[in-house]
C-alpha atoms as a PDB file:
ATOM      1  CA  MET A   1       0.268  -0.032   0.042  1.00  0.00           C
ATOM      2  CA  LYS A   2       0.694   3.928  -0.588  1.00  0.00           C
ATOM      3  CA  PHE A   3       1.272   6.891   2.326  1.00  0.00           C
ATOM      4  CA  ASN A   4      -2.029   7.906   1.098  1.00  0.00           C
ATOM      5  CA  GLU A   5      -3.776   4.289   0.927  1.00  0.00           C
ATOM      6  CA  ARG A   6      -2.445   3.222   4.739  1.00  0.00           C
ATOM      7  CA  LEU A   7      -3.457   6.858   5.863  1.00  0.00           C
ATOM      8  CA  LYS A   8      -7.089   6.287   5.398  1.00  0.00           C
ATOM      9  CA  TYR A   9      -6.646   2.053   6.034  1.00  0.00           C
ATOM     10  CA  LEU A  10      -5.617   4.217   9.894  1.00  0.00           C
ATOM     11  CA  ARG A  11      -7.819   6.461   9.735  1.00  0.00           C
ATOM     12  CA  CYS A  12     -11.477   3.909   9.070  1.00  0.00           C
ATOM     13  CA  ALA A  13      -9.877   0.702  10.931  1.00  0.00           C
ATOM     14  CA  LYS A  14      -9.016   2.914  14.397  1.00  0.00           C
ATOM     15  CA  ILE A  15     -11.673   1.624  16.651  1.00  0.00           C
ATOM     16  CA  PRO A  16     -14.162   3.947  16.281  1.00  0.00           C
ATOM     17  CA  SER A  17     -13.568   5.165  12.841  1.00  0.00           C
ATOM     18  CA  ILE A  18     -12.812   8.739  13.016  1.00  0.00           C
ATOM     19  CA  THR A  19     -13.198  11.444  10.649  1.00  0.00           C
ATOM     20  CA  GLN A  20     -11.007  13.162   8.319  1.00  0.00           C
ATOM     21  CA  LYS A  21     -11.540  16.628  10.426  1.00  0.00           C
ATOM     22  CA  ASP A  22     -10.795  15.034  13.239  1.00  0.00           C
ATOM     23  CA  LEU A  23      -7.689  13.629  12.239  1.00  0.00           C
ATOM     24  CA  ALA A  24      -7.122  17.063  11.314  1.00  0.00           C
ATOM     25  CA  ASN A  25      -7.867  18.458  14.767  1.00  0.00           C
ATOM     26  CA  ALA A  26      -5.875  16.191  16.166  1.00  0.00           C
ATOM     27  CA  ILE A  27      -2.613  15.902  14.528  1.00  0.00           C
ATOM     28  CA  GLY A  28      -2.629  19.817  14.567  1.00  0.00           C
ATOM     29  CA  VAL A  29      -3.489  20.521  10.494  1.00  0.00           C
ATOM     30  CA  THR A  30      -6.578  21.178   8.191  1.00  0.00           C
ATOM     31  CA  GLN A  31      -9.205  18.483   7.078  1.00  0.00           C
ATOM     32  CA  ARG A  32      -8.542  19.995   3.397  1.00  0.00           C
ATOM     33  CA  LYS A  33      -4.773  18.709   4.394  1.00  0.00           C
ATOM     34  CA  ILE A  34      -5.945  14.960   5.274  1.00  0.00           C
ATOM     35  CA  SER A  35      -8.291  14.868   2.767  1.00  0.00           C
ATOM     36  CA  PHE A  36      -5.447  15.620  -0.828  1.00  0.00           C
ATOM     37  CA  MET A  37      -2.911  13.110   1.671  1.00  0.00           C
ATOM     38  CA  GLU A  38      -4.776  10.092   1.873  1.00  0.00           C
ATOM     39  CA  THR A  39      -6.599  11.017  -2.252  1.00  0.00           C
ATOM     40  CA  GLY A  40      -2.374  11.889  -3.189  1.00  0.00           C
ATOM     41  CA  THR A  41      -3.089  14.696  -4.185  1.00  0.00           C
ATOM     42  CA  THR A  42      -0.353  16.645  -1.789  1.00  0.00           C
ATOM     43  CA  GLU A  43       2.489  14.602   0.385  1.00  0.00           C
ATOM     44  CA  PRO A  44       3.220  14.643   4.276  1.00  0.00           C
ATOM     45  CA  SER A  45       5.950  17.005   4.990  1.00  0.00           C
ATOM     46  CA  LEU A  46       8.083  15.909   8.180  1.00  0.00           C
ATOM     47  CA  SER A  47       5.546  17.267  10.969  1.00  0.00           C
ATOM     48  CA  ASP A  48       2.707  15.987   9.075  1.00  0.00           C
ATOM     49  CA  ILE A  49       4.406  11.962   9.517  1.00  0.00           C
ATOM     50  CA  ILE A  50       5.619  12.344  13.013  1.00  0.00           C
ATOM     51  CA  ALA A  51       2.168  13.487  14.164  1.00  0.00           C
ATOM     52  CA  LEU A  52       0.356  10.394  12.013  1.00  0.00           C
ATOM     53  CA  CYS A  53       3.082   8.269  13.796  1.00  0.00           C
ATOM     54  CA  ASN A  54       2.577   9.006  16.694  1.00  0.00           C
ATOM     55  CA  TYR A  55      -1.686   9.596  16.634  1.00  0.00           C
ATOM     56  CA  PHE A  56      -1.175   6.243  15.403  1.00  0.00           C
ATOM     57  CA  ASN A  57       1.315   4.779  17.587  1.00  0.00           C
ATOM     58  CA  VAL A  58       2.958   3.261  14.360  1.00  0.00           C
ATOM     59  CA  SER A  59       6.452   3.047  12.799  1.00  0.00           C
ATOM     60  CA  ALA A  60       7.576   5.712   9.817  1.00  0.00           C
ATOM     61  CA  ASP A  61       8.419   2.538   8.247  1.00  0.00           C
ATOM     62  CA  PHE A  62       5.188   1.588   8.315  1.00  0.00           C
ATOM     63  CA  LEU A  63       2.877   4.959   7.137  1.00  0.00           C
ATOM     64  CA  LEU A  64       5.267   5.292   4.424  1.00  0.00           C
ATOM     65  CA  GLY A  65       4.733   1.690   2.655  1.00  0.00           C
ATOM     66  CA  ILE A  66       7.912   0.484   3.846  1.00  0.00           C
ATOM     67  CA  SER A  67       7.742  -2.086   6.334  1.00  0.00           C
ATOM     68  CA  ASN A  68       4.414  -3.996   6.731  1.00  0.00           C
ATOM     69  CA  ASN A  69       5.032  -3.844  10.262  1.00  0.00           C
ATOM     70  CA  LYS A  70       3.183  -1.328  12.349  1.00  0.00           C
ATOM     71  CA  ASN A  71       4.869  -1.772  15.863  1.00  0.00           C
ATOM     72  CA  HIS A  72       8.146   0.398  16.066  1.00  0.00           C
ATOM     73  CA  SER A  73      10.739  -1.608  17.515  1.00  0.00           C
ATOM     74  CA  GLU A  74      10.613  -4.633  14.786  1.00  0.00           C
END
């Protein structure tokens, strides 16, 4: 999966699932930016990647599609 697909997957798989607006508020960006990242219209900044990894508790390698392992240490 590409970054945009992983982001949408993580947001929708969260229990309970969250809206783009909820995620945007949680990490300090606009809903429009989340939408653009999920559709692949724009790429995330480094600070966006860090915030998303912290929010979803996943590794950057997982979020970026480098690894299928969600854990930070493995």
